[in-house]
Amino acid sequence: MKRTIFIFSACLIGFASCKKIAEPKVYSFLTDVNAFESKADAIAAVNGVYARLKQPSGVSDSYQYYAGFQMAITDFTTDIGHSFQSGDISLLSEAQWSPTNKYTNFAYQHQYKMISDANIALFYLPKIKTLSTEEQNQYYSEIRFLRALGYMDLTDAFGPVILVTEKDVEKADYVTKLAPSSVEDINKFIIADLEFAAANLPVNYKSKTIYPTNDVGRATKGAALSLLVKLYMREHKWQDALTTIQKIEALNQYGLFPSYKGLFAESNKWCEESIFSALADALNDGTELMNHFGPLNNTEVSDRWQYYAVSWSFWNSYARNDERREMFYYDYIGSDKLHYMQAPAGQTKPPTGFYYLPDVASKKYADPSGSTTYYDGHGIPILRYADIVMCHAEALNELNGPTQASIDLINKVKGRAKATLLGPPSGYTKETLRNAILQERGWEFFFECKRRQDLIRTGMYQQVVNTYLTGIGKPASVNITRDKYFSYPQTQTDLNPNLSNAGRQ
């Protein structure tokens, strides 16, 4: 961990070559001894872990982890995401991924990068003797929350993975081929991190002395509890989820933002619905997200690629009165004067003056400000209050069957979108209301990294995705026994034979 800062003297160049190669003058050394000395160093370490959520600008393919790849593995492997581009992204949307797919590889890589940075920070922060107990608990809690998020994403995607902690930093072993830990053991680890974070993090950052400003976007008690809810939901621990949701409600911090569209404007970084997001600034850590989300040849948001889009079958599932239906560029006159639209049933070749869109670009991350900036500063919601409301409805239904309480919770989310509300609970069984909740979650949370896990949690992954695949003329290739988890990246199995893909491909 040694980093040296050099300043080189200029070399006078004659007709042939340098007369003398200048020796570098060393002004300072940054090592593991002097890199963690002050409160400022501690905050820098914490902020460095947050930075892993969105790859900073200035790097090739700057749309990594929650700036793009997490959406690729969670939405494009379902009935929602679609890409007319060739290569690995289309293979994901056709359920044809392999151990060499770059999107699953990058997801694995960046999830572990955040965990690695968290472990390094947790190992070195105790060396800063000037930190108060309050400061230590604050920084440790933020880092442990982020580490828990990384492990949650890893186990969602890959199931059993290698568990590494801050204890592995001091004597790093690059030789031993470690075996993956079970999801059950990693769950216990995640729960311990989140319980510590929930016990020590503030409800918000207003009037807090540890940070000089109201640092919205940092992990809070509500964020730790919300991620804990997501874990309990995944494991079908409905009562634990419900009890934790009640703790979130008792904080009195969150509510639904009045406008669905307004939630995703680049100008709206944070609002009452925000629990935890990957925030960004276009000038300092922007990403290429806006470029990837399209639309094609549109006059409102120009020069986009429509690399990430949704399937027509998903868009067609919206009712016409649902305002979320309008969060897409589905019918417009392009900058080339062609009429861009969905192909009428049975038609494939557009007449003169028309262009049949292969899929539908979303407005969720294609900011309608007219900006043509290559890097954008969109925040990506990871945990928001509408998700907790819908988890509340689902947990109640799984525990008690259809009740007015669960119907009312679903209708809070539907009502914000002006969608037709659900009728009385007598019209549903536990199974049909579960399906209604699943459908509502798709309409509400598309491109928010939730669809694949929602389908797996409800036992609908194989059925829903295979129905979609056959509907677009592709093989019904999903087998939940094999496809609940992605293959480990080939680069990892080559290095460690304990990471076996037997039964995963």
Protein backbone atom coordinates (compact mmCIF):
# COMPACT_ATOMS: atom_id res chain seq x y z
CA MET A 1 0.00 0.00 0.00
CA LYS A 2 2.82 2.43 -0.71
CA ARG A 3 2.19 5.33 -3.01
CA THR A 4 4.92 7.84 -3.94
CA ILE A 5 4.28 11.31 -5.29
CA PHE A 6 6.82 12.47 -7.85
CA ILE A 7 7.54 15.74 -9.59
CA PHE A 8 9.85 15.41 -12.57
CA SER A 9 12.28 18.10 -13.77
CA ALA A 10 12.04 19.05 -17.40
CA CYS A 11 14.50 17.50 -19.75
CA LEU A 12 16.15 19.73 -22.35
CA ILE A 13 16.03 17.99 -25.66
CA GLY A 14 18.67 18.62 -28.29
CA PHE A 15 18.71 17.51 -31.89
CA ALA A 16 19.51 13.93 -30.94
CA SER A 17 18.44 13.04 -27.41
CA CYS A 18 18.36 14.06 -23.76
CA LYS A 19 21.73 14.99 -22.36
CA LYS A 20 20.78 13.62 -18.95
CA ILE A 21 17.79 11.82 -17.46
CA ALA A 22 16.55 13.87 -14.51
CA GLU A 23 16.26 12.03 -11.21
CA PRO A 24 12.82 12.32 -9.60
CA LYS A 25 12.65 14.54 -6.56
CA VAL A 26 10.56 12.86 -3.88
CA TYR A 27 8.49 15.31 -1.86
CA SER A 28 6.45 12.89 0.24
CA PHE A 29 5.49 9.29 0.79
CA LEU A 30 1.94 8.10 1.39
CA THR A 31 2.04 4.71 3.12
CA ASP A 32 -0.12 2.57 5.36
CA VAL A 33 1.67 4.20 8.29
CA ASN A 34 0.87 7.85 7.60
CA ALA A 35 -2.26 7.55 5.45
CA PHE A 36 -4.59 7.18 8.46
CA GLU A 37 -3.72 9.90 10.93
CA SER A 38 -6.58 12.39 11.15
CA LYS A 39 -10.33 12.79 11.06
CA ALA A 40 -9.97 14.08 7.50
CA ASP A 41 -8.24 10.82 6.59
CA ALA A 42 -11.10 8.85 8.13
CA ILE A 43 -13.73 10.78 6.17
CA ALA A 44 -11.72 10.31 2.97
CA ALA A 45 -11.64 6.55 3.59
CA VAL A 46 -15.40 6.45 4.17
CA ASN A 47 -16.08 8.54 1.08
CA GLY A 48 -13.86 6.25 -0.95
CA VAL A 49 -16.14 3.31 -0.19
CA TYR A 50 -19.21 5.31 -1.27
CA ALA A 51 -17.41 6.19 -4.52
CA ARG A 52 -17.47 2.52 -5.52
CA LEU A 53 -21.25 2.71 -6.00
CA LYS A 54 -20.74 4.64 -9.23
CA GLN A 55 -17.55 4.48 -11.25
CA PRO A 56 -16.07 8.01 -11.53
CA SER A 57 -15.86 9.66 -14.94
CA GLY A 58 -12.69 9.54 -16.94
CA VAL A 59 -12.68 5.75 -17.24
CA SER A 60 -13.70 3.61 -20.17
CA ASP A 61 -17.33 2.49 -20.04
CA SER A 62 -18.14 4.76 -17.14
CA TYR A 63 -21.47 3.26 -16.17
CA GLN A 64 -20.46 0.62 -13.68
CA TYR A 65 -22.07 -1.00 -10.62
CA TYR A 66 -25.15 1.10 -9.77
CA ALA A 67 -24.49 3.33 -12.75
CA GLY A 68 -25.42 0.55 -15.16
CA PHE A 69 -24.08 -2.98 -14.76
CA GLN A 70 -26.27 -3.74 -11.75
CA MET A 71 -29.31 -2.89 -13.89
CA ALA A 72 -28.00 -5.13 -16.64
CA ILE A 73 -27.87 -8.24 -14.46
CA THR A 74 -31.12 -7.54 -12.59
CA ASP A 75 -33.47 -6.18 -15.28
CA PHE A 76 -32.15 -7.53 -18.57
CA THR A 77 -32.26 -11.08 -17.30
CA THR A 78 -36.05 -10.78 -16.86
CA ASP A 79 -39.15 -9.86 -18.85
CA ILE A 80 -38.43 -6.12 -18.60
CA GLY A 81 -35.07 -5.18 -20.05
CA HIS A 82 -34.34 -5.42 -23.77
CA SER A 83 -31.52 -4.34 -26.02
CA PHE A 84 -31.41 -4.48 -29.81
CA GLN A 85 -27.62 -4.21 -29.62
CA SER A 86 -25.57 -7.32 -30.21
CA GLY A 87 -23.20 -8.96 -27.78
CA ASP A 88 -23.36 -9.68 -24.07
CA ILE A 89 -26.24 -7.34 -23.28
CA SER A 90 -28.55 -9.11 -25.74
CA LEU A 91 -27.38 -12.49 -24.44
CA LEU A 92 -28.52 -11.42 -20.97
CA SER A 93 -31.95 -10.41 -22.25
CA GLU A 94 -32.28 -13.77 -24.03
CA ALA A 95 -31.25 -15.71 -20.88
CA GLN A 96 -28.11 -16.92 -22.65
CA TRP A 97 -25.45 -15.66 -20.26
CA SER A 98 -22.23 -17.61 -19.69
CA PRO A 99 -19.23 -17.44 -17.32
CA THR A 100 -17.57 -15.01 -19.74
CA ASN A 101 -20.42 -12.48 -19.92
CA LYS A 102 -18.85 -9.09 -19.25
CA TYR A 103 -21.83 -7.75 -17.33
CA THR A 104 -21.89 -10.49 -14.71
CA ASN A 105 -18.09 -10.32 -14.60
CA PHE A 106 -18.09 -6.57 -13.99
CA ALA A 107 -20.86 -6.88 -11.40
CA TYR A 108 -18.85 -9.46 -9.45
CA GLN A 109 -15.72 -7.35 -9.74
CA HIS A 110 -17.24 -4.07 -8.59
CA GLN A 111 -19.25 -5.59 -5.76
CA TYR A 112 -16.03 -7.05 -4.38
CA LYS A 113 -14.14 -3.80 -4.96
CA MET A 114 -16.53 -2.01 -2.63
CA ILE A 115 -16.21 -4.79 -0.05
CA SER A 116 -12.41 -4.66 -0.34
CA ASP A 117 -12.31 -0.89 0.20
CA ALA A 118 -14.65 -1.29 3.17
CA ASN A 119 -12.43 -3.96 4.73
CA ILE A 120 -9.28 -1.87 4.26
CA ALA A 121 -10.95 1.16 5.86
CA LEU A 122 -12.27 -0.90 8.79
CA PHE A 123 -8.80 -2.32 9.38
CA TYR A 124 -6.94 0.99 9.34
CA LEU A 125 -9.41 3.39 10.98
CA PRO A 126 -8.68 2.11 14.52
CA LYS A 127 -5.11 3.38 14.02
CA ILE A 128 -6.44 6.97 14.07
CA LYS A 129 -6.18 7.71 17.77
CA THR A 130 -7.73 11.17 17.58
CA LEU A 131 -11.22 9.93 16.72
CA SER A 132 -13.88 10.12 19.41
CA THR A 133 -16.05 7.10 20.16
CA GLU A 134 -18.95 8.86 18.43
CA GLU A 135 -16.87 9.46 15.31
CA GLN A 136 -15.60 5.89 15.26
CA ASN A 137 -19.10 4.47 15.50
CA GLN A 138 -20.33 6.81 12.78
CA TYR A 139 -17.61 5.90 10.29
CA TYR A 140 -17.66 2.18 11.11
CA SER A 141 -21.44 2.12 10.67
CA GLU A 142 -21.38 3.77 7.26
CA ILE A 143 -18.69 1.39 6.07
CA ARG A 144 -20.40 -1.70 7.48
CA PHE A 145 -23.66 -0.68 5.81
CA LEU A 146 -21.89 -0.40 2.44
CA ARG A 147 -20.14 -3.72 2.96
CA ALA A 148 -23.49 -5.33 3.78
CA LEU A 149 -24.92 -3.89 0.55
CA GLY A 150 -22.03 -5.37 -1.43
CA TYR A 151 -22.55 -8.81 0.09
CA MET A 152 -26.31 -8.56 -0.41
CA ASP A 153 -25.78 -7.88 -4.11
CA LEU A 154 -23.17 -10.63 -4.42
CA THR A 155 -25.37 -13.28 -2.81
CA ASP A 156 -28.39 -12.13 -4.83
CA ALA A 157 -26.41 -12.68 -8.01
CA PHE A 158 -24.00 -15.51 -7.23
CA GLY A 159 -25.28 -17.21 -4.07
CA PRO A 160 -22.40 -18.70 -2.03
CA VAL A 161 -19.34 -16.45 -2.35
CA ILE A 162 -16.02 -16.06 -0.56
CA LEU A 163 -16.42 -14.12 2.67
CA VAL A 164 -13.57 -11.70 3.32
CA THR A 165 -13.47 -9.21 6.19
CA GLU A 166 -11.15 -6.63 7.71
CA LYS A 167 -9.40 -9.49 9.54
CA ASP A 168 -8.01 -10.63 6.19
CA VAL A 169 -6.30 -7.30 5.47
CA GLU A 170 -3.28 -7.52 7.78
CA LYS A 171 -2.03 -10.86 6.51
CA ALA A 172 -3.49 -11.06 3.05
CA ASP A 173 -3.25 -14.57 1.63
CA TYR A 174 -2.99 -14.62 -2.14
CA VAL A 175 -2.13 -18.31 -2.37
CA THR A 176 -4.78 -20.29 -0.50
CA LYS A 177 -7.79 -21.15 -2.63
CA LEU A 178 -10.68 -20.32 -0.33
CA ALA A 179 -14.02 -22.06 -0.49
CA PRO A 180 -17.20 -19.96 -0.74
CA SER A 181 -19.29 -19.49 2.39
CA SER A 182 -22.95 -20.49 2.38
CA VAL A 183 -25.60 -17.87 1.83
CA GLU A 184 -26.87 -18.64 5.35
CA ASP A 185 -23.49 -17.78 6.89
CA ILE A 186 -23.13 -14.63 4.81
CA ASN A 187 -26.67 -13.62 5.84
CA LYS A 188 -25.59 -13.77 9.49
CA PHE A 189 -22.63 -11.56 8.65
CA ILE A 190 -24.83 -9.07 6.79
CA ILE A 191 -27.32 -8.95 9.66
CA ALA A 192 -24.53 -8.24 12.18
CA ASP A 193 -23.23 -5.36 10.02
CA LEU A 194 -26.70 -3.88 9.54
CA GLU A 195 -27.72 -4.21 13.19
CA PHE A 196 -24.54 -2.38 14.21
CA ALA A 197 -25.21 0.30 11.59
CA ALA A 198 -28.86 0.72 12.61
CA ALA A 199 -27.85 1.07 16.27
CA ASN A 200 -25.26 3.77 15.60
CA LEU A 201 -26.28 5.74 12.52
CA PRO A 202 -28.36 8.92 12.85
CA VAL A 203 -31.90 9.25 11.54
CA ASN A 204 -30.66 12.11 9.34
CA TYR A 205 -27.70 14.48 9.12
CA LYS A 206 -29.38 17.69 10.14
CA SER A 207 -27.43 19.54 12.84
CA LYS A 208 -24.83 16.80 13.15
CA THR A 209 -21.36 17.89 14.22
CA ILE A 210 -19.41 14.98 12.71
CA TYR A 211 -20.05 16.29 9.21
CA PRO A 212 -20.06 20.06 8.59
CA THR A 213 -23.22 20.06 6.44
CA ASN A 214 -26.50 18.18 6.10
CA ASP A 215 -24.89 15.32 4.19
CA VAL A 216 -27.93 13.81 2.47
CA GLY A 217 -27.13 10.55 0.77
CA ARG A 218 -25.02 9.09 3.55
CA ALA A 219 -26.21 5.89 5.16
CA THR A 220 -28.76 6.41 7.93
CA LYS A 221 -30.60 4.32 10.49
CA GLY A 222 -33.48 4.07 8.03
CA ALA A 223 -31.15 2.84 5.27
CA ALA A 224 -29.70 0.10 7.49
CA LEU A 225 -33.16 -1.02 8.57
CA SER A 226 -34.42 -0.94 4.97
CA LEU A 227 -31.60 -3.14 3.70
CA LEU A 228 -32.35 -5.50 6.59
CA VAL A 229 -35.97 -5.63 5.38
CA LYS A 230 -34.77 -6.60 1.93
CA LEU A 231 -32.71 -9.44 3.38
CA TYR A 232 -35.62 -10.75 5.44
CA MET A 233 -37.90 -10.55 2.41
CA ARG A 234 -35.42 -12.53 0.33
CA GLU A 235 -35.30 -15.24 2.98
CA HIS A 236 -39.11 -15.29 3.42
CA LYS A 237 -38.79 -14.19 7.04
CA TRP A 238 -42.02 -12.25 6.82
CA GLN A 239 -42.50 -11.46 10.50
CA ASP A 240 -38.93 -10.20 10.86
CA ALA A 241 -39.48 -8.03 7.79
CA LEU A 242 -42.74 -6.67 9.20
CA THR A 243 -41.20 -5.89 12.60
CA THR A 244 -38.32 -4.04 10.91
CA ILE A 245 -40.70 -2.09 8.66
CA GLN A 246 -42.54 -0.91 11.76
CA LYS A 247 -39.22 0.45 13.09
CA ILE A 248 -38.73 2.37 9.83
CA GLU A 249 -42.23 3.85 10.02
CA ALA A 250 -41.57 4.90 13.61
CA LEU A 251 -38.70 7.12 12.42
CA ASN A 252 -41.23 9.44 10.70
CA GLN A 253 -38.70 10.35 8.03
CA TYR A 254 -40.18 9.12 4.76
CA GLY A 255 -43.12 9.58 2.41
CA LEU A 256 -44.02 9.22 -1.24
CA PHE A 257 -42.88 12.06 -3.47
CA PRO A 258 -45.97 13.63 -5.11
CA SER A 259 -44.80 13.05 -8.68
CA TYR A 260 -43.35 9.80 -10.05
CA LYS A 261 -41.69 11.68 -12.90
CA GLY A 262 -40.13 14.20 -10.54
CA LEU A 263 -38.39 11.44 -8.61
CA PHE A 264 -35.92 10.84 -11.41
CA ALA A 265 -35.10 14.30 -12.71
CA GLU A 266 -31.40 15.00 -12.47
CA SER A 267 -32.28 18.18 -10.58
CA ASN A 268 -33.94 16.13 -7.83
CA LYS A 269 -31.05 14.42 -6.08
CA TRP A 270 -32.88 13.84 -2.81
CA CYS A 271 -36.43 14.01 -1.48
CA GLU A 272 -38.68 12.57 1.21
CA GLU A 273 -38.89 9.25 -0.64
CA SER A 274 -35.12 8.78 -0.73
CA ILE A 275 -33.70 6.29 1.76
CA PHE A 276 -30.40 5.48 0.09
CA SER A 277 -29.11 6.30 -3.39
CA ALA A 278 -25.92 6.23 -5.42
CA LEU A 279 -25.52 9.97 -5.82
CA ALA A 280 -23.32 11.67 -8.39
CA ASP A 281 -22.25 15.01 -9.74
CA ALA A 282 -21.79 15.46 -13.47
CA LEU A 283 -18.59 17.49 -13.04
CA ASN A 284 -16.82 15.24 -10.53
CA ASP A 285 -18.14 11.70 -10.76
CA GLY A 286 -20.56 11.64 -13.65
CA THR A 287 -21.33 8.53 -15.67
CA GLU A 288 -22.45 7.60 -19.17
CA LEU A 289 -25.85 6.47 -17.96
CA MET A 290 -27.87 9.03 -19.93
CA ASN A 291 -26.20 8.02 -23.16
CA HIS A 292 -27.01 4.35 -22.68
CA PHE A 293 -30.69 4.85 -21.95
CA GLY A 294 -31.58 6.48 -25.25
CA PRO A 295 -33.78 7.47 -27.00
CA LEU A 296 -32.85 7.17 -30.68
CA ASN A 297 -32.83 10.36 -32.77
CA ASN A 298 -35.09 12.22 -30.38
CA THR A 299 -35.31 16.01 -30.47
CA GLU A 300 -35.95 16.29 -26.73
CA VAL A 301 -32.91 14.31 -25.60
CA SER A 302 -30.49 14.12 -28.49
CA ASP A 303 -27.47 11.98 -29.34
CA ARG A 304 -28.35 8.89 -27.30
CA TRP A 305 -27.79 5.20 -28.03
CA GLN A 306 -30.89 3.38 -26.73
CA TYR A 307 -28.56 0.68 -25.45
CA TYR A 308 -30.74 -0.01 -22.40
CA ALA A 309 -34.49 -0.16 -23.05
CA VAL A 310 -37.58 -2.12 -22.03
CA SER A 311 -39.46 -4.73 -24.01
CA TRP A 312 -42.62 -3.73 -25.82
CA SER A 313 -44.51 -6.44 -23.95
CA PHE A 314 -43.61 -4.80 -20.65
CA TRP A 315 -44.60 -1.33 -21.83
CA ASN A 316 -47.87 -2.65 -23.25
CA SER A 317 -48.77 -4.06 -19.82
CA TYR A 318 -49.36 -0.55 -18.43
CA ALA A 319 -52.92 0.71 -18.34
CA ARG A 320 -53.43 3.91 -20.33
CA ASN A 321 -54.34 5.90 -17.22
CA ASP A 322 -51.12 4.91 -15.42
CA GLU A 323 -48.77 7.91 -15.48
CA ARG A 324 -45.76 5.60 -15.36
CA ARG A 325 -46.67 4.58 -18.92
CA GLU A 326 -45.58 8.05 -19.99
CA MET A 327 -42.06 7.52 -18.62
CA PHE A 328 -41.01 6.19 -22.02
CA TYR A 329 -40.25 7.52 -25.51
CA TYR A 330 -42.72 5.29 -27.32
CA ASP A 331 -44.09 7.51 -30.12
CA TYR A 332 -42.36 10.62 -31.49
CA ILE A 333 -41.12 12.44 -34.57
CA GLY A 334 -37.36 12.03 -34.69
CA SER A 335 -34.66 14.52 -35.56
CA ASP A 336 -34.55 12.81 -38.96
CA LYS A 337 -38.31 13.55 -39.40
CA LEU A 338 -39.23 9.87 -39.24
CA HIS A 339 -42.17 8.76 -37.09
CA TYR A 340 -40.74 6.47 -34.38
CA MET A 341 -43.30 4.06 -32.99
CA GLN A 342 -44.21 0.47 -32.10
CA ALA A 343 -44.77 -1.82 -35.06
CA PRO A 344 -48.47 -2.63 -35.55
CA ALA A 345 -49.32 -6.28 -34.93
CA GLY A 346 -48.06 -8.53 -37.71
CA GLN A 347 -45.97 -5.83 -39.41
CA THR A 348 -42.18 -5.75 -39.53
CA LYS A 349 -41.33 -3.42 -42.42
CA PRO A 350 -42.21 0.23 -41.83
CA PRO A 351 -43.67 2.30 -44.68
CA THR A 352 -41.92 5.40 -45.93
CA GLY A 353 -41.63 8.05 -43.22
CA PHE A 354 -41.84 5.57 -40.31
CA TYR A 355 -39.36 3.73 -38.09
CA TYR A 356 -40.45 0.76 -35.98
CA LEU A 357 -38.69 0.91 -32.64
CA PRO A 358 -37.23 -2.46 -31.55
CA ASP A 359 -37.79 -1.58 -27.91
CA VAL A 360 -38.78 1.38 -25.74
CA ALA A 361 -36.35 3.92 -24.28
CA SER A 362 -37.05 4.98 -20.72
CA LYS A 363 -37.29 8.57 -19.50
CA LYS A 364 -36.27 7.46 -16.03
CA TYR A 365 -32.60 8.22 -16.63
CA ALA A 366 -32.77 10.17 -19.90
CA ASP A 367 -33.05 13.66 -18.45
CA PRO A 368 -35.40 15.91 -20.46
CA SER A 369 -33.31 19.02 -19.84
CA GLY A 370 -31.89 19.03 -23.34
CA SER A 371 -28.39 18.50 -21.98
CA THR A 372 -25.90 16.91 -24.35
CA THR A 373 -23.21 16.53 -21.69
CA TYR A 374 -21.45 13.22 -22.19
CA TYR A 375 -21.29 12.49 -18.45
CA ASP A 376 -24.42 12.95 -16.39
CA GLY A 377 -24.93 13.26 -12.65
CA HIS A 378 -28.04 11.16 -12.10
CA GLY A 379 -28.64 9.67 -8.70
CA ILE A 380 -29.68 6.01 -8.79
CA PRO A 381 -32.21 5.02 -6.10
CA ILE A 382 -31.11 1.88 -4.26
CA LEU A 383 -33.62 2.05 -1.42
CA ARG A 384 -36.69 4.25 -1.55
CA TYR A 385 -39.82 4.46 0.52
CA ALA A 386 -42.18 3.07 -2.15
CA ASP A 387 -40.18 -0.18 -1.98
CA ILE A 388 -40.74 -0.38 1.78
CA VAL A 389 -44.46 0.29 1.31
CA MET A 390 -44.70 -2.56 -1.19
CA CYS A 391 -42.62 -4.86 1.03
CA HIS A 392 -45.05 -4.04 3.84
CA ALA A 393 -48.00 -5.09 1.68
CA GLU A 394 -46.25 -8.28 0.61
CA ALA A 395 -45.24 -9.31 4.13
CA LEU A 396 -48.80 -8.74 5.39
CA ASN A 397 -50.19 -10.83 2.55
CA GLU A 398 -47.75 -13.68 3.16
CA LEU A 399 -48.59 -13.70 6.87
CA ASN A 400 -52.34 -13.09 6.79
CA GLY A 401 -53.57 -13.35 3.22
CA PRO A 402 -55.44 -10.44 1.58
CA THR A 403 -56.44 -7.72 4.04
CA GLN A 404 -57.60 -4.16 3.67
CA ALA A 405 -54.29 -3.03 5.16
CA SER A 406 -52.25 -4.66 2.39
CA ILE A 407 -54.65 -3.38 -0.30
CA ASP A 408 -54.37 0.16 1.09
CA LEU A 409 -50.58 0.02 0.98
CA ILE A 410 -50.54 -1.09 -2.65
CA ASN A 411 -53.06 1.60 -3.52
CA LYS A 412 -50.81 4.28 -2.01
CA VAL A 413 -48.24 3.49 -4.69
CA LYS A 414 -50.82 3.03 -7.47
CA GLY A 415 -52.61 6.24 -6.50
CA ARG A 416 -49.46 8.32 -6.89
CA ALA A 417 -49.30 7.12 -10.52
CA LYS A 418 -53.04 7.77 -11.08
CA ALA A 419 -53.42 4.05 -11.86
CA THR A 420 -56.68 2.19 -11.23
CA LEU A 421 -56.79 1.13 -7.59
CA LEU A 422 -57.22 -2.45 -6.41
CA GLY A 423 -60.64 -3.50 -5.19
CA PRO A 424 -61.54 -5.00 -1.79
CA PRO A 425 -59.54 -7.93 -0.38
CA SER A 426 -62.47 -10.29 -0.91
CA GLY A 427 -61.60 -10.28 -4.61
CA TYR A 428 -58.18 -11.86 -4.02
CA THR A 429 -56.52 -14.98 -2.71
CA LYS A 430 -53.04 -14.91 -1.21
CA GLU A 431 -51.66 -16.12 -4.54
CA THR A 432 -53.51 -13.65 -6.77
CA LEU A 433 -52.62 -10.72 -4.51
CA ARG A 434 -49.00 -11.88 -4.51
CA ASN A 435 -49.10 -11.76 -8.31
CA ALA A 436 -50.69 -8.30 -8.22
CA ILE A 437 -47.92 -7.07 -5.94
CA LEU A 438 -45.28 -8.57 -8.24
CA GLN A 439 -46.83 -6.86 -11.26
CA GLU A 440 -47.05 -3.55 -9.42
CA ARG A 441 -43.42 -3.79 -8.40
CA GLY A 442 -42.45 -4.25 -12.05
CA TRP A 443 -44.35 -1.13 -13.09
CA GLU A 444 -42.94 0.90 -10.21
CA PHE A 445 -39.30 -0.25 -10.01
CA PHE A 446 -38.19 -0.94 -13.58
CA PHE A 447 -34.48 -0.22 -13.96
CA GLU A 448 -33.97 0.03 -10.20
CA CYS A 449 -32.15 -3.31 -9.86
CA LYS A 450 -35.05 -5.24 -8.32
CA ARG A 451 -36.90 -7.26 -10.95
CA ARG A 452 -34.85 -10.46 -10.98
CA GLN A 453 -34.89 -10.82 -7.21
CA ASP A 454 -38.60 -10.02 -7.07
CA LEU A 455 -39.30 -12.84 -9.54
CA ILE A 456 -37.04 -15.29 -7.72
CA ARG A 457 -38.46 -14.41 -4.28
CA THR A 458 -42.02 -15.01 -5.43
CA GLY A 459 -41.15 -18.25 -7.25
CA MET A 460 -42.13 -16.77 -10.63
CA TYR A 461 -38.78 -16.34 -12.36
CA GLN A 462 -38.87 -19.38 -14.62
CA GLN A 463 -42.53 -18.99 -15.58
CA VAL A 464 -42.52 -15.25 -16.26
CA VAL A 465 -39.24 -15.10 -18.17
CA ASN A 466 -39.93 -18.19 -20.26
CA THR A 467 -43.35 -16.83 -21.19
CA TYR A 468 -41.67 -13.60 -22.27
CA LEU A 469 -38.96 -15.42 -24.23
CA THR A 470 -41.39 -17.58 -26.19
CA GLY A 471 -43.48 -14.48 -26.86
CA ILE A 472 -40.55 -12.87 -28.69
CA GLY A 473 -39.66 -16.06 -30.55
CA LYS A 474 -36.75 -17.17 -28.35
CA PRO A 475 -36.28 -20.51 -26.59
CA ALA A 476 -37.80 -20.90 -23.12
CA SER A 477 -34.36 -21.44 -21.67
CA VAL A 478 -34.67 -20.51 -17.97
CA ASN A 479 -34.38 -23.37 -15.49
CA ILE A 480 -34.65 -22.04 -11.95
CA THR A 481 -32.62 -24.92 -10.50
CA ARG A 482 -29.71 -23.87 -12.69
CA ASP A 483 -30.42 -20.17 -13.11
CA LYS A 484 -31.27 -18.93 -9.62
CA TYR A 485 -27.64 -17.79 -9.51
CA PHE A 486 -25.33 -16.64 -12.28
CA SER A 487 -22.22 -18.57 -13.18
CA TYR A 488 -19.10 -17.43 -11.37
CA PRO A 489 -16.89 -15.44 -13.77
CA GLN A 490 -14.56 -17.69 -15.73
CA THR A 491 -11.58 -15.61 -14.63
CA GLN A 492 -12.40 -16.48 -11.02
CA THR A 493 -12.97 -20.19 -11.53
CA ASP A 494 -9.67 -20.38 -13.42
CA LEU A 495 -7.93 -18.97 -10.35
CA ASN A 496 -9.87 -20.86 -7.71
CA PRO A 497 -11.25 -24.35 -8.40
CA ASN A 498 -13.39 -24.07 -5.25
CA LEU A 499 -15.63 -21.72 -7.22
CA SER A 500 -17.35 -24.40 -9.25
CA ASN A 501 -19.92 -23.71 -11.95
CA ALA A 502 -21.18 -27.28 -11.96
CA GLY A 503 -24.94 -27.08 -12.35
CA ARG A 504 -24.88 -23.36 -13.19
CA GLN A 505 -24.39 -23.49 -16.95
